Amino acid sequence: MSRADRINRELRHHISIIVQQELEDPNIGFVTVTSVSASPDLSQASVYFTCMGDDKEKDKTEKVLNRASGYIRKMLAKRLYIKFIPDIKFIYDDTLKKEQEIDRIFDDIHKKRKSDEPRPS
């Protein structure tokens, strides 16, 4: 495992704990940090997350998390022994939604092919 992978894993672990247990904002519902991708120089990190709720709730959660990024960064500095703590940007992870849409498309194709097959006489 590369150094970047280890750092991304550590960032994900600690950010998850901070968001779930230490942020006391009532506008944040149930949030799962799915992945972190830090730049090679560790100046920036994209933090991907999912949460419950409709698009309005997801947008609100993303805004709240990004407003709290300074606090989260300060908490990370107390926990991680790395020279630089990256600037954090939270991004909603819509991978699951995309996967569900692809599955639906494949199901539709499968149903169409099945209905187009000639029936045995």
C-alpha atoms as a PDB file:
ATOM      1  CA  MET A   1       0.000   0.000   0.000  1.00  0.00           C
ATOM      2  CA  SER A   2       1.390   3.385  -0.989  1.00  0.00           C
ATOM      3  CA  ARG A   3       1.838   6.329   1.364  1.00  0.00           C
ATOM      4  CA  ALA A   4      -0.986   8.183  -0.383  1.00  0.00           C
ATOM      5  CA  ASP A   5      -3.329   5.216   0.134  1.00  0.00           C
ATOM      6  CA  ARG A   6      -2.441   5.054   3.830  1.00  0.00           C
ATOM      7  CA  ILE A   7      -3.019   8.777   4.273  1.00  0.00           C
ATOM      8  CA  ASN A   8      -6.353   8.635   2.416  1.00  0.00           C
ATOM      9  CA  ARG A   9      -7.422   5.721   4.605  1.00  0.00           C
ATOM     10  CA  GLU A  10      -6.413   7.559   7.796  1.00  0.00           C
ATOM     11  CA  LEU A  11      -8.162  10.738   6.678  1.00  0.00           C
ATOM     12  CA  ARG A  12     -11.330   8.790   5.886  1.00  0.00           C
ATOM     13  CA  HIS A  13     -11.252   7.036   9.265  1.00  0.00           C
ATOM     14  CA  HIS A  14     -10.748  10.186  11.327  1.00  0.00           C
ATOM     15  CA  ILE A  15     -13.105  12.387   9.297  1.00  0.00           C
ATOM     16  CA  SER A  16     -15.816   9.732   9.702  1.00  0.00           C
ATOM     17  CA  ILE A  17     -15.424   9.768  13.469  1.00  0.00           C
ATOM     18  CA  ILE A  18     -15.396  13.560  13.647  1.00  0.00           C
ATOM     19  CA  VAL A  19     -18.492  13.926  11.454  1.00  0.00           C
ATOM     20  CA  GLN A  20     -20.485  11.176  13.162  1.00  0.00           C
ATOM     21  CA  GLN A  21     -19.524  11.802  16.776  1.00  0.00           C
ATOM     22  CA  GLU A  22     -18.181  15.323  17.230  1.00  0.00           C
ATOM     23  CA  LEU A  23     -20.042  17.677  14.923  1.00  0.00           C
ATOM     24  CA  GLU A  24     -23.005  19.014  16.820  1.00  0.00           C
ATOM     25  CA  ASP A  25     -24.932  20.551  13.961  1.00  0.00           C
ATOM     26  CA  PRO A  26     -28.596  19.520  13.857  1.00  0.00           C
ATOM     27  CA  ASN A  27     -28.577  20.027  10.064  1.00  0.00           C
ATOM     28  CA  ILE A  28     -26.332  17.005   9.612  1.00  0.00           C
ATOM     29  CA  GLY A  29     -28.188  13.728   9.473  1.00  0.00           C
ATOM     30  CA  PHE A  30     -26.722  10.279   9.100  1.00  0.00           C
ATOM     31  CA  VAL A  31     -23.563  10.736   7.008  1.00  0.00           C
ATOM     32  CA  THR A  32     -21.206   8.042   5.728  1.00  0.00           C
ATOM     33  CA  VAL A  33     -17.780   9.023   4.423  1.00  0.00           C
ATOM     34  CA  THR A  34     -17.258   6.697   1.464  1.00  0.00           C
ATOM     35  CA  SER A  35     -13.782   7.725   0.331  1.00  0.00           C
ATOM     36  CA  VAL A  36     -11.094  10.389   0.485  1.00  0.00           C
ATOM     37  CA  SER A  37      -8.796  11.433  -2.328  1.00  0.00           C
ATOM     38  CA  ALA A  38      -5.939  13.702  -1.293  1.00  0.00           C
ATOM     39  CA  SER A  39      -3.760  15.477  -3.824  1.00  0.00           C
ATOM     40  CA  PRO A  40      -0.165  14.169  -4.050  1.00  0.00           C
ATOM     41  CA  ASP A  41       1.183  17.212  -2.201  1.00  0.00           C
ATOM     42  CA  LEU A  42      -1.566  16.890   0.461  1.00  0.00           C
ATOM     43  CA  SER A  43      -2.718  20.450  -0.106  1.00  0.00           C
ATOM     44  CA  GLN A  44      -6.312  19.383  -0.844  1.00  0.00           C
ATOM     45  CA  ALA A  45      -8.551  16.422  -0.149  1.00  0.00           C
ATOM     46  CA  SER A  46     -11.887  15.559  -1.683  1.00  0.00           C
ATOM     47  CA  VAL A  47     -14.090  13.802   0.858  1.00  0.00           C
ATOM     48  CA  TYR A  48     -16.919  11.807  -0.704  1.00  0.00           C
ATOM     49  CA  PHE A  49     -19.977  11.090   1.402  1.00  0.00           C
ATOM     50  CA  THR A  50     -23.496   9.729   1.264  1.00  0.00           C
ATOM     51  CA  CYS A  51     -26.466  10.593   3.439  1.00  0.00           C
ATOM     52  CA  MET A  52     -30.131   9.875   3.851  1.00  0.00           C
ATOM     53  CA  GLY A  53     -32.727  12.182   2.354  1.00  0.00           C
ATOM     54  CA  ASP A  54     -33.821  13.845  -0.844  1.00  0.00           C
ATOM     55  CA  ASP A  55     -31.699  16.110  -3.045  1.00  0.00           C
ATOM     56  CA  LYS A  56     -32.526  19.146  -0.905  1.00  0.00           C
ATOM     57  CA  GLU A  57     -31.269  17.357   2.232  1.00  0.00           C
ATOM     58  CA  LYS A  58     -28.131  16.197   0.420  1.00  0.00           C
ATOM     59  CA  ASP A  59     -27.341  19.732  -0.753  1.00  0.00           C
ATOM     60  CA  LYS A  60     -27.925  21.124   2.734  1.00  0.00           C
ATOM     61  CA  THR A  61     -25.681  18.451   4.285  1.00  0.00           C
ATOM     62  CA  GLU A  62     -22.928  19.173   1.759  1.00  0.00           C
ATOM     63  CA  LYS A  63     -23.049  22.900   2.553  1.00  0.00           C
ATOM     64  CA  VAL A  64     -22.971  22.292   6.306  1.00  0.00           C
ATOM     65  CA  LEU A  65     -20.050  19.875   6.018  1.00  0.00           C
ATOM     66  CA  ASN A  66     -18.086  22.306   3.860  1.00  0.00           C
ATOM     67  CA  ARG A  67     -18.733  25.103   6.377  1.00  0.00           C
ATOM     68  CA  ALA A  68     -17.407  22.806   9.114  1.00  0.00           C
ATOM     69  CA  SER A  69     -14.282  21.854   7.143  1.00  0.00           C
ATOM     70  CA  GLY A  70     -12.070  24.287   9.092  1.00  0.00           C
ATOM     71  CA  TYR A  71     -13.124  22.728  12.389  1.00  0.00           C
ATOM     72  CA  ILE A  72     -12.639  19.222  10.973  1.00  0.00           C
ATOM     73  CA  ARG A  73      -9.188  20.211   9.732  1.00  0.00           C
ATOM     74  CA  LYS A  74      -8.265  21.501  13.184  1.00  0.00           C
ATOM     75  CA  MET A  75      -9.415  18.232  14.773  1.00  0.00           C
ATOM     76  CA  LEU A  76      -7.394  16.250  12.204  1.00  0.00           C
ATOM     77  CA  ALA A  77      -4.280  18.244  13.078  1.00  0.00           C
ATOM     78  CA  LYS A  78      -4.595  16.993  16.662  1.00  0.00           C
ATOM     79  CA  ARG A  79      -4.873  13.345  15.561  1.00  0.00           C
ATOM     80  CA  LEU A  80      -2.615  12.881  12.553  1.00  0.00           C
ATOM     81  CA  TYR A  81       1.141  13.141  12.567  1.00  0.00           C
ATOM     82  CA  ILE A  82       1.643  14.548   9.098  1.00  0.00           C
ATOM     83  CA  LYS A  83       3.294  17.819   8.191  1.00  0.00           C
ATOM     84  CA  PHE A  84       0.334  19.309   6.332  1.00  0.00           C
ATOM     85  CA  ILE A  85      -3.371  18.789   6.878  1.00  0.00           C
ATOM     86  CA  PRO A  86      -5.121  19.224   3.523  1.00  0.00           C
ATOM     87  CA  ASP A  87      -7.914  21.670   2.797  1.00  0.00           C
ATOM     88  CA  ILE A  88     -11.079  19.601   2.761  1.00  0.00           C
ATOM     89  CA  LYS A  89     -13.920  19.739   0.263  1.00  0.00           C
ATOM     90  CA  PHE A  90     -16.975  17.558   0.801  1.00  0.00           C
ATOM     91  CA  ILE A  91     -18.642  16.129  -2.301  1.00  0.00           C
ATOM     92  CA  TYR A  92     -21.814  14.054  -2.373  1.00  0.00           C
ATOM     93  CA  ASP A  93     -21.023  10.571  -3.698  1.00  0.00           C
ATOM     94  CA  ASP A  94     -23.725   9.659  -6.201  1.00  0.00           C
ATOM     95  CA  THR A  95     -22.107   6.352  -7.183  1.00  0.00           C
ATOM     96  CA  LEU A  96     -24.900   4.290  -5.646  1.00  0.00           C
ATOM     97  CA  LYS A  97     -27.554   6.289  -7.486  1.00  0.00           C
ATOM     98  CA  LYS A  98     -25.671   5.807 -10.778  1.00  0.00           C
ATOM     99  CA  GLU A  99     -25.310   2.065 -10.131  1.00  0.00           C
ATOM    100  CA  GLN A 100     -29.039   1.767  -9.482  1.00  0.00           C
ATOM    101  CA  GLU A 101     -29.810   3.620 -12.705  1.00  0.00           C
ATOM    102  CA  ILE A 102     -27.495   1.323 -14.703  1.00  0.00           C
ATOM    103  CA  ASP A 103     -29.142  -1.739 -13.116  1.00  0.00           C
ATOM    104  CA  ARG A 104     -32.571  -0.386 -14.069  1.00  0.00           C
ATOM    105  CA  ILE A 105     -31.422   0.141 -17.674  1.00  0.00           C
ATOM    106  CA  PHE A 106     -30.067  -3.422 -17.866  1.00  0.00           C
ATOM    107  CA  ASP A 107     -33.318  -4.762 -16.408  1.00  0.00           C
ATOM    108  CA  ASP A 108     -35.297  -2.841 -19.042  1.00  0.00           C
ATOM    109  CA  ILE A 109     -33.080  -4.222 -21.826  1.00  0.00           C
ATOM    110  CA  HIS A 110     -33.448  -7.746 -20.473  1.00  0.00           C
ATOM    111  CA  LYS A 111     -37.251  -7.418 -20.281  1.00  0.00           C
ATOM    112  CA  LYS A 112     -37.411  -6.004 -23.820  1.00  0.00           C
ATOM    113  CA  ARG A 113     -35.279  -8.828 -25.233  1.00  0.00           C
ATOM    114  CA  LYS A 114     -37.398 -11.378 -23.442  1.00  0.00           C
ATOM    115  CA  SER A 115     -40.612  -9.879 -24.846  1.00  0.00           C
ATOM    116  CA  ASP A 116     -39.102  -9.741 -28.370  1.00  0.00           C
ATOM    117  CA  GLU A 117     -38.142 -13.433 -28.375  1.00  0.00           C
ATOM    118  CA  PRO A 118     -40.410 -15.597 -30.495  1.00  0.00           C
ATOM    119  CA  ARG A 119     -42.607 -17.879 -28.443  1.00  0.00           C
ATOM    120  CA  PRO A 120     -42.346 -21.617 -29.094  1.00  0.00           C
ATOM    121  CA  SER A 121     -45.250 -23.036 -31.045  1.00  0.00           C
END
